[in-house]
Amino acid sequence: MAEQPIGQIIDALGVKGDLDEGDLPTDAFVILKIVKANGDVSLVHRRSESLDWITALGMITAAQNIENSGYTEASTDDT
């Protein structure tokens, strides 16, 4: 298996992010489901170069909690 950039693959899968102008993404942890030519299925993960293991663990844990219970953004009202 040869490593290759996956940005275009993620784009082709229709993955989009909810980013506001001025937001600065700093890290990424990506999990891909792969179906091999012979039909075998596997999961692979990759992370951005700057992502340390403890932040990756926190991101995975937060993502699992969000997927399990849903997520509602806290109100940004200052009143």
PDB file of N, CA and C in Angstrom:
ATOM      1  N   MET A   1       0.847  -1.159   0.000  1.00  0.00           N
ATOM      2  CA  MET A   1       0.000   0.000   0.000  1.00  0.00           C
ATOM      3  C   MET A   1       0.908   1.243   0.000  1.00  0.00           C
ATOM      4  N   ALA A   2       0.663   2.143  -0.928  1.00  0.00           N
ATOM      5  CA  ALA A   2       1.454   3.361  -1.018  1.00  0.00           C
ATOM      6  C   ALA A   2       0.706   4.516  -0.365  1.00  0.00           C
ATOM      7  N   GLU A   3       1.411   5.310   0.433  1.00  0.00           N
ATOM      8  CA  GLU A   3       0.783   6.478   1.041  1.00  0.00           C
ATOM      9  C   GLU A   3       0.532   7.519  -0.032  1.00  0.00           C
ATOM     10  N   GLN A   4      -0.608   8.193   0.087  1.00  0.00           N
ATOM     11  CA  GLN A   4      -0.960   9.246  -0.854  1.00  0.00           C
ATOM     12  C   GLN A   4      -1.806  10.293  -0.148  1.00  0.00           C
ATOM     13  N   PRO A   5      -1.799  11.517  -0.637  1.00  0.00           N
ATOM     14  CA  PRO A   5      -2.642  12.552  -0.038  1.00  0.00           C
ATOM     15  C   PRO A   5      -4.113  12.139  -0.143  1.00  0.00           C
ATOM     16  N   ILE A   6      -4.896  12.461   0.898  1.00  0.00           N
ATOM     17  CA  ILE A   6      -6.295  12.017   0.899  1.00  0.00           C
ATOM     18  C   ILE A   6      -7.303  13.161   0.837  1.00  0.00           C
ATOM     19  N   GLY A   7      -6.820  14.391   0.694  1.00  0.00           N
ATOM     20  CA  GLY A   7      -7.730  15.531   0.631  1.00  0.00           C
ATOM     21  C   GLY A   7      -8.767  15.397  -0.472  1.00  0.00           C
ATOM     22  N   GLN A   8      -8.335  15.026  -1.668  1.00  0.00           N
ATOM     23  CA  GLN A   8      -9.267  14.886  -2.789  1.00  0.00           C
ATOM     24  C   GLN A   8     -10.231  13.727  -2.568  1.00  0.00           C
ATOM     25  N   ILE A   9      -9.773  12.680  -1.912  1.00  0.00           N
ATOM     26  CA  ILE A   9     -10.647  11.540  -1.623  1.00  0.00           C
ATOM     27  C   ILE A   9     -11.757  11.976  -0.667  1.00  0.00           C
ATOM     28  N   ILE A  10     -11.386  12.715   0.369  1.00  0.00           N
ATOM     29  CA  ILE A  10     -12.376  13.202   1.325  1.00  0.00           C
ATOM     30  C   ILE A  10     -13.349  14.152   0.637  1.00  0.00           C
ATOM     31  N   ASP A  11     -12.826  15.026  -0.229  1.00  0.00           N
ATOM     32  CA  ASP A  11     -13.698  15.924  -0.994  1.00  0.00           C
ATOM     33  C   ASP A  11     -14.682  15.124  -1.843  1.00  0.00           C
ATOM     34  N   ALA A  12     -14.198  14.079  -2.514  1.00  0.00           N
ATOM     35  CA  ALA A  12     -15.052  13.264  -3.378  1.00  0.00           C
ATOM     36  C   ALA A  12     -16.125  12.521  -2.590  1.00  0.00           C
ATOM     37  N   LEU A  13     -15.860  12.233  -1.313  1.00  0.00           N
ATOM     38  CA  LEU A  13     -16.850  11.571  -0.464  1.00  0.00           C
ATOM     39  C   LEU A  13     -17.897  12.553   0.063  1.00  0.00           C
ATOM     40  N   GLY A  14     -17.722  13.841  -0.214  1.00  0.00           N
ATOM     41  CA  GLY A  14     -18.702  14.846   0.178  1.00  0.00           C
ATOM     42  C   GLY A  14     -18.577  15.332   1.606  1.00  0.00           C
ATOM     43  N   VAL A  15     -17.403  15.175   2.209  1.00  0.00           N
ATOM     44  CA  VAL A  15     -17.207  15.631   3.581  1.00  0.00           C
ATOM     45  C   VAL A  15     -17.038  17.144   3.576  1.00  0.00           C
ATOM     46  N   LYS A  16     -17.823  17.812   4.413  1.00  0.00           N
ATOM     47  CA  LYS A  16     -17.754  19.263   4.523  1.00  0.00           C
ATOM     48  C   LYS A  16     -17.661  19.636   6.000  1.00  0.00           C
ATOM     49  N   GLY A  17     -17.084  20.782   6.270  1.00  0.00           N
ATOM     50  CA  GLY A  17     -16.974  21.274   7.638  1.00  0.00           C
ATOM     51  C   GLY A  17     -17.733  22.575   7.794  1.00  0.00           C
ATOM     52  N   ASP A  18     -18.235  22.823   8.990  1.00  0.00           N
ATOM     53  CA  ASP A  18     -18.953  24.048   9.298  1.00  0.00           C
ATOM     54  C   ASP A  18     -17.954  25.041   9.871  1.00  0.00           C
ATOM     55  N   LEU A  19     -17.366  25.859   9.002  1.00  0.00           N
ATOM     56  CA  LEU A  19     -16.338  26.806   9.408  1.00  0.00           C
ATOM     57  C   LEU A  19     -16.803  28.217   9.121  1.00  0.00           C
ATOM     58  N   ASP A  20     -16.541  29.099  10.060  1.00  0.00           N
ATOM     59  CA  ASP A  20     -16.836  30.513   9.874  1.00  0.00           C
ATOM     60  C   ASP A  20     -15.602  31.216   9.324  1.00  0.00           C
ATOM     61  N   GLU A  21     -15.813  32.384   8.697  1.00  0.00           N
ATOM     62  CA  GLU A  21     -14.695  33.160   8.197  1.00  0.00           C
ATOM     63  C   GLU A  21     -13.765  33.479   9.359  1.00  0.00           C
ATOM     64  N   GLY A  22     -12.496  33.251   9.156  1.00  0.00           N
ATOM     65  CA  GLY A  22     -11.514  33.499  10.205  1.00  0.00           C
ATOM     66  C   GLY A  22     -11.182  32.277  11.038  1.00  0.00           C
ATOM     67  N   ASP A  23     -11.992  31.209  10.939  1.00  0.00           N
ATOM     68  CA  ASP A  23     -11.682  29.975  11.662  1.00  0.00           C
ATOM     69  C   ASP A  23     -10.390  29.385  11.105  1.00  0.00           C
ATOM     70  N   LEU A  24      -9.580  28.811  11.961  1.00  0.00           N
ATOM     71  CA  LEU A  24      -8.288  28.260  11.556  1.00  0.00           C
ATOM     72  C   LEU A  24      -8.183  26.802  11.990  1.00  0.00           C
ATOM     73  N   PRO A  25      -8.480  25.870  11.097  1.00  0.00           N
ATOM     74  CA  PRO A  25      -8.283  24.456  11.457  1.00  0.00           C
ATOM     75  C   PRO A  25      -6.800  24.207  11.741  1.00  0.00           C
ATOM     76  N   THR A  26      -6.528  23.486  12.822  1.00  0.00           N
ATOM     77  CA  THR A  26      -5.128  23.259  13.208  1.00  0.00           C
ATOM     78  C   THR A  26      -4.706  21.799  13.157  1.00  0.00           C
ATOM     79  N   ASP A  27      -5.654  20.892  13.330  1.00  0.00           N
ATOM     80  CA  ASP A  27      -5.315  19.476  13.373  1.00  0.00           C
ATOM     81  C   ASP A  27      -6.427  18.660  12.743  1.00  0.00           C
ATOM     82  N   ALA A  28      -6.080  17.459  12.312  1.00  0.00           N
ATOM     83  CA  ALA A  28      -7.085  16.554  11.761  1.00  0.00           C
ATOM     84  C   ALA A  28      -6.736  15.114  12.124  1.00  0.00           C
ATOM     85  N   PHE A  29      -7.766  14.356  12.411  1.00  0.00           N
ATOM     86  CA  PHE A  29      -7.660  12.911  12.628  1.00  0.00           C
ATOM     87  C   PHE A  29      -8.712  12.285  11.729  1.00  0.00           C
ATOM     88  N   VAL A  30      -8.293  11.464  10.796  1.00  0.00           N
ATOM     89  CA  VAL A  30      -9.187  10.927   9.776  1.00  0.00           C
ATOM     90  C   VAL A  30      -9.259   9.413   9.904  1.00  0.00           C
ATOM     91  N   ILE A  31     -10.475   8.885   9.894  1.00  0.00           N
ATOM     92  CA  ILE A  31     -10.692   7.435   9.877  1.00  0.00           C
ATOM     93  C   ILE A  31     -11.343   7.097   8.545  1.00  0.00           C
ATOM     94  N   LEU A  32     -10.763   6.179   7.814  1.00  0.00           N
ATOM     95  CA  LEU A  32     -11.291   5.771   6.514  1.00  0.00           C
ATOM     96  C   LEU A  32     -11.687   4.307   6.531  1.00  0.00           C
ATOM     97  N   LYS A  33     -12.860   4.014   5.991  1.00  0.00           N
ATOM     98  CA  LYS A  33     -13.259   2.635   5.741  1.00  0.00           C
ATOM     99  C   LYS A  33     -12.817   2.316   4.322  1.00  0.00           C
ATOM    100  N   ILE A  34     -12.040   1.258   4.176  1.00  0.00           N
ATOM    101  CA  ILE A  34     -11.479   0.872   2.892  1.00  0.00           C
ATOM    102  C   ILE A  34     -12.049  -0.483   2.480  1.00  0.00           C
ATOM    103  N   VAL A  35     -12.540  -0.574   1.259  1.00  0.00           N
ATOM    104  CA  VAL A  35     -12.946  -1.859   0.685  1.00  0.00           C
ATOM    105  C   VAL A  35     -11.876  -2.220  -0.343  1.00  0.00           C
ATOM    106  N   LYS A  36     -11.145  -3.292  -0.072  1.00  0.00           N
ATOM    107  CA  LYS A  36     -10.064  -3.730  -0.946  1.00  0.00           C
ATOM    108  C   LYS A  36     -10.626  -4.344  -2.227  1.00  0.00           C
ATOM    109  N   ALA A  37      -9.787  -4.498  -3.214  1.00  0.00           N
ATOM    110  CA  ALA A  37     -10.204  -5.076  -4.502  1.00  0.00           C
ATOM    111  C   ALA A  37     -10.777  -6.479  -4.335  1.00  0.00           C
ATOM    112  N   ASN A  38     -10.293  -7.227  -3.325  1.00  0.00           N
ATOM    113  CA  ASN A  38     -10.784  -8.589  -3.105  1.00  0.00           C
ATOM    114  C   ASN A  38     -12.033  -8.633  -2.230  1.00  0.00           C
ATOM    115  N   GLY A  39     -12.549  -7.460  -1.824  1.00  0.00           N
ATOM    116  CA  GLY A  39     -13.760  -7.392  -1.016  1.00  0.00           C
ATOM    117  C   GLY A  39     -13.520  -7.263   0.474  1.00  0.00           C
ATOM    118  N   ASP A  40     -12.283  -7.446   0.927  1.00  0.00           N
ATOM    119  CA  ASP A  40     -11.980  -7.276   2.350  1.00  0.00           C
ATOM    120  C   ASP A  40     -12.222  -5.826   2.754  1.00  0.00           C
ATOM    121  N   VAL A  41     -12.671  -5.643   3.994  1.00  0.00           N
ATOM    122  CA  VAL A  41     -12.942  -4.308   4.518  1.00  0.00           C
ATOM    123  C   VAL A  41     -12.002  -4.039   5.685  1.00  0.00           C
ATOM    124  N   SER A  42     -11.457  -2.838   5.724  1.00  0.00           N
ATOM    125  CA  SER A  42     -10.577  -2.481   6.838  1.00  0.00           C
ATOM    126  C   SER A  42     -10.781  -1.013   7.189  1.00  0.00           C
ATOM    127  N   LEU A  43     -10.290  -0.647   8.356  1.00  0.00           N
ATOM    128  CA  LEU A  43     -10.280   0.742   8.790  1.00  0.00           C
ATOM    129  C   LEU A  43      -8.832   1.188   8.892  1.00  0.00           C
ATOM    130  N   VAL A  44      -8.568   2.396   8.433  1.00  0.00           N
ATOM    131  CA  VAL A  44      -7.241   2.984   8.577  1.00  0.00           C
ATOM    132  C   VAL A  44      -7.413   4.378   9.147  1.00  0.00           C
ATOM    133  N   HIS A  45      -6.402   4.859   9.839  1.00  0.00           N
ATOM    134  CA  HIS A  45      -6.463   6.223  10.361  1.00  0.00           C
ATOM    135  C   HIS A  45      -5.162   6.932  10.049  1.00  0.00           C
ATOM    136  N   ARG A  46      -5.292   8.230   9.879  1.00  0.00           N
ATOM    137  CA  ARG A  46      -4.142   9.089   9.669  1.00  0.00           C
ATOM    138  C   ARG A  46      -4.409  10.390  10.412  1.00  0.00           C
ATOM    139  N   ARG A  47      -3.348  11.102  10.723  1.00  0.00           N
ATOM    140  CA  ARG A  47      -3.492  12.368  11.431  1.00  0.00           C
ATOM    141  C   ARG A  47      -2.555  13.398  10.830  1.00  0.00           C
ATOM    142  N   SER A  48      -2.889  14.664  11.066  1.00  0.00           N
ATOM    143  CA  SER A  48      -2.027  15.739  10.600  1.00  0.00           C
ATOM    144  C   SER A  48      -0.697  15.671  11.345  1.00  0.00           C
ATOM    145  N   GLU A  49       0.338  16.204  10.709  1.00  0.00           N
ATOM    146  CA  GLU A  49       1.685  16.096  11.265  1.00  0.00           C
ATOM    147  C   GLU A  49       1.821  16.718  12.641  1.00  0.00           C
ATOM    148  N   SER A  50       1.091  17.802  12.895  1.00  0.00           N
ATOM    149  CA  SER A  50       1.254  18.506  14.161  1.00  0.00           C
ATOM    150  C   SER A  50       0.422  17.930  15.300  1.00  0.00           C
ATOM    151  N   LEU A  51      -0.426  16.956  15.012  1.00  0.00           N
ATOM    152  CA  LEU A  51      -1.348  16.414  16.023  1.00  0.00           C
ATOM    153  C   LEU A  51      -0.617  15.461  16.964  1.00  0.00           C
ATOM    154  N   ASP A  52      -0.576  15.834  18.257  1.00  0.00           N
ATOM    155  CA  ASP A  52       0.057  14.963  19.246  1.00  0.00           C
ATOM    156  C   ASP A  52      -0.949  13.901  19.718  1.00  0.00           C
ATOM    157  N   TRP A  53      -0.455  12.860  20.359  1.00  0.00           N
ATOM    158  CA  TRP A  53      -1.306  11.714  20.706  1.00  0.00           C
ATOM    159  C   TRP A  53      -2.388  12.074  21.708  1.00  0.00           C
ATOM    160  N   ILE A  54      -2.100  12.958  22.644  1.00  0.00           N
ATOM    161  CA  ILE A  54      -3.094  13.269  23.664  1.00  0.00           C
ATOM    162  C   ILE A  54      -4.238  14.103  23.085  1.00  0.00           C
ATOM    163  N   THR A  55      -3.929  15.013  22.162  1.00  0.00           N
ATOM    164  CA  THR A  55      -4.979  15.774  21.493  1.00  0.00           C
ATOM    165  C   THR A  55      -5.788  14.853  20.584  1.00  0.00           C
ATOM    166  N   ALA A  56      -5.114  13.923  19.910  1.00  0.00           N
ATOM    167  CA  ALA A  56      -5.825  12.958  19.067  1.00  0.00           C
ATOM    168  C   ALA A  56      -6.801  12.137  19.904  1.00  0.00           C
ATOM    169  N   LEU A  57      -6.365  11.688  21.060  1.00  0.00           N
ATOM    170  CA  LEU A  57      -7.238  10.913  21.944  1.00  0.00           C
ATOM    171  C   LEU A  57      -8.429  11.749  22.387  1.00  0.00           C
ATOM    172  N   GLY A  58      -8.188  13.008  22.719  1.00  0.00           N
ATOM    173  CA  GLY A  58      -9.280  13.897  23.102  1.00  0.00           C
ATOM    174  C   GLY A  58     -10.266  14.113  21.965  1.00  0.00           C
ATOM    175  N   MET A  59      -9.763  14.287  20.753  1.00  0.00           N
ATOM    176  CA  MET A  59     -10.636  14.476  19.593  1.00  0.00           C
ATOM    177  C   MET A  59     -11.481  13.232  19.338  1.00  0.00           C
ATOM    178  N   ILE A  60     -10.872  12.064  19.443  1.00  0.00           N
ATOM    179  CA  ILE A  60     -11.598  10.808  19.223  1.00  0.00           C
ATOM    180  C   ILE A  60     -12.678  10.623  20.295  1.00  0.00           C
ATOM    181  N   THR A  61     -12.329  10.902  21.548  1.00  0.00           N
ATOM    182  CA  THR A  61     -13.282  10.767  22.645  1.00  0.00           C
ATOM    183  C   THR A  61     -14.443  11.744  22.470  1.00  0.00           C
ATOM    184  N   ALA A  62     -14.145  12.993  22.124  1.00  0.00           N
ATOM    185  CA  ALA A  62     -15.201  13.981  21.894  1.00  0.00           C
ATOM    186  C   ALA A  62     -16.089  13.563  20.727  1.00  0.00           C
ATOM    187  N   ALA A  63     -15.485  13.094  19.645  1.00  0.00           N
ATOM    188  CA  ALA A  63     -16.267  12.661  18.479  1.00  0.00           C
ATOM    189  C   ALA A  63     -17.192  11.503  18.839  1.00  0.00           C
ATOM    190  N   GLN A  64     -16.704  10.558  19.642  1.00  0.00           N
ATOM    191  CA  GLN A  64     -17.539   9.437  20.061  1.00  0.00           C
ATOM    192  C   GLN A  64     -18.713   9.930  20.903  1.00  0.00           C
ATOM    193  N   ASN A  65     -18.461  10.852  21.810  1.00  0.00           N
ATOM    194  CA  ASN A  65     -19.545  11.402  22.627  1.00  0.00           C
ATOM    195  C   ASN A  65     -20.569  12.133  21.773  1.00  0.00           C
ATOM    196  N   ILE A  66     -20.108  12.902  20.810  1.00  0.00           N
ATOM    197  CA  ILE A  66     -21.010  13.623  19.919  1.00  0.00           C
ATOM    198  C   ILE A  66     -21.852  12.644  19.104  1.00  0.00           C
ATOM    199  N   GLU A  67     -21.225  11.624  18.565  1.00  0.00           N
ATOM    200  CA  GLU A  67     -21.952  10.630  17.765  1.00  0.00           C
ATOM    201  C   GLU A  67     -22.960   9.855  18.603  1.00  0.00           C
ATOM    202  N   ASN A  68     -22.615   9.569  19.852  1.00  0.00           N
ATOM    203  CA  ASN A  68     -23.495   8.785  20.716  1.00  0.00           C
ATOM    204  C   ASN A  68     -24.670   9.581  21.258  1.00  0.00           C
ATOM    205  N   SER A  69     -24.477  10.884  21.505  1.00  0.00           N
ATOM    206  CA  SER A  69     -25.538  11.635  22.171  1.00  0.00           C
ATOM    207  C   SER A  69     -25.981  12.877  21.424  1.00  0.00           C
ATOM    208  N   GLY A  70     -25.396  13.171  20.319  1.00  0.00           N
ATOM    209  CA  GLY A  70     -25.736  14.402  19.628  1.00  0.00           C
ATOM    210  C   GLY A  70     -24.996  15.555  20.248  1.00  0.00           C
ATOM    211  N   TYR A  71     -25.030  16.683  19.594  1.00  0.00           N
ATOM    212  CA  TYR A  71     -24.287  17.834  20.063  1.00  0.00           C
ATOM    213  C   TYR A  71     -25.085  19.082  19.750  1.00  0.00           C
ATOM    214  N   THR A  72     -25.246  19.908  20.719  1.00  0.00           N
ATOM    215  CA  THR A  72     -25.898  21.197  20.522  1.00  0.00           C
ATOM    216  C   THR A  72     -24.916  22.263  20.949  1.00  0.00           C
ATOM    217  N   GLU A  73     -24.608  23.162  20.049  1.00  0.00           N
ATOM    218  CA  GLU A  73     -23.655  24.225  20.357  1.00  0.00           C
ATOM    219  C   GLU A  73     -24.231  25.153  21.406  1.00  0.00           C
ATOM    220  N   ALA A  74     -23.407  25.518  22.367  1.00  0.00           N
ATOM    221  CA  ALA A  74     -23.848  26.432  23.417  1.00  0.00           C
ATOM    222  C   ALA A  74     -24.205  27.776  22.802  1.00  0.00           C
ATOM    223  N   SER A  75     -25.143  28.447  23.405  1.00  0.00           N
ATOM    224  CA  SER A  75     -25.563  29.765  22.929  1.00  0.00           C
ATOM    225  C   SER A  75     -24.406  30.738  23.006  1.00  0.00           C
ATOM    226  N   THR A  76     -24.301  31.594  21.998  1.00  0.00           N
ATOM    227  CA  THR A  76     -23.245  32.602  22.004  1.00  0.00           C
ATOM    228  C   THR A  76     -23.769  33.963  22.398  1.00  0.00           C
ATOM    229  N   ASP A  77     -25.017  34.012  22.888  1.00  0.00           N
ATOM    230  CA  ASP A  77     -25.581  35.283  23.350  1.00  0.00           C
ATOM    231  C   ASP A  77     -24.844  35.772  24.571  1.00  0.00           C
ATOM    232  N   ASP A  78     -24.558  37.072  24.609  1.00  0.00           N
ATOM    233  CA  ASP A  78     -23.865  37.661  25.748  1.00  0.00           C
ATOM    234  C   ASP A  78     -24.847  38.225  26.784  1.00  0.00           C
ATOM    235  N   THR A  79     -26.125  37.945  26.628  1.00  0.00           N
ATOM    236  CA  THR A  79     -27.123  38.512  27.539  1.00  0.00           C
ATOM    237  C   THR A  79     -27.432  37.598  28.668  1.00  0.00           C
TER     238      THR A  79
END
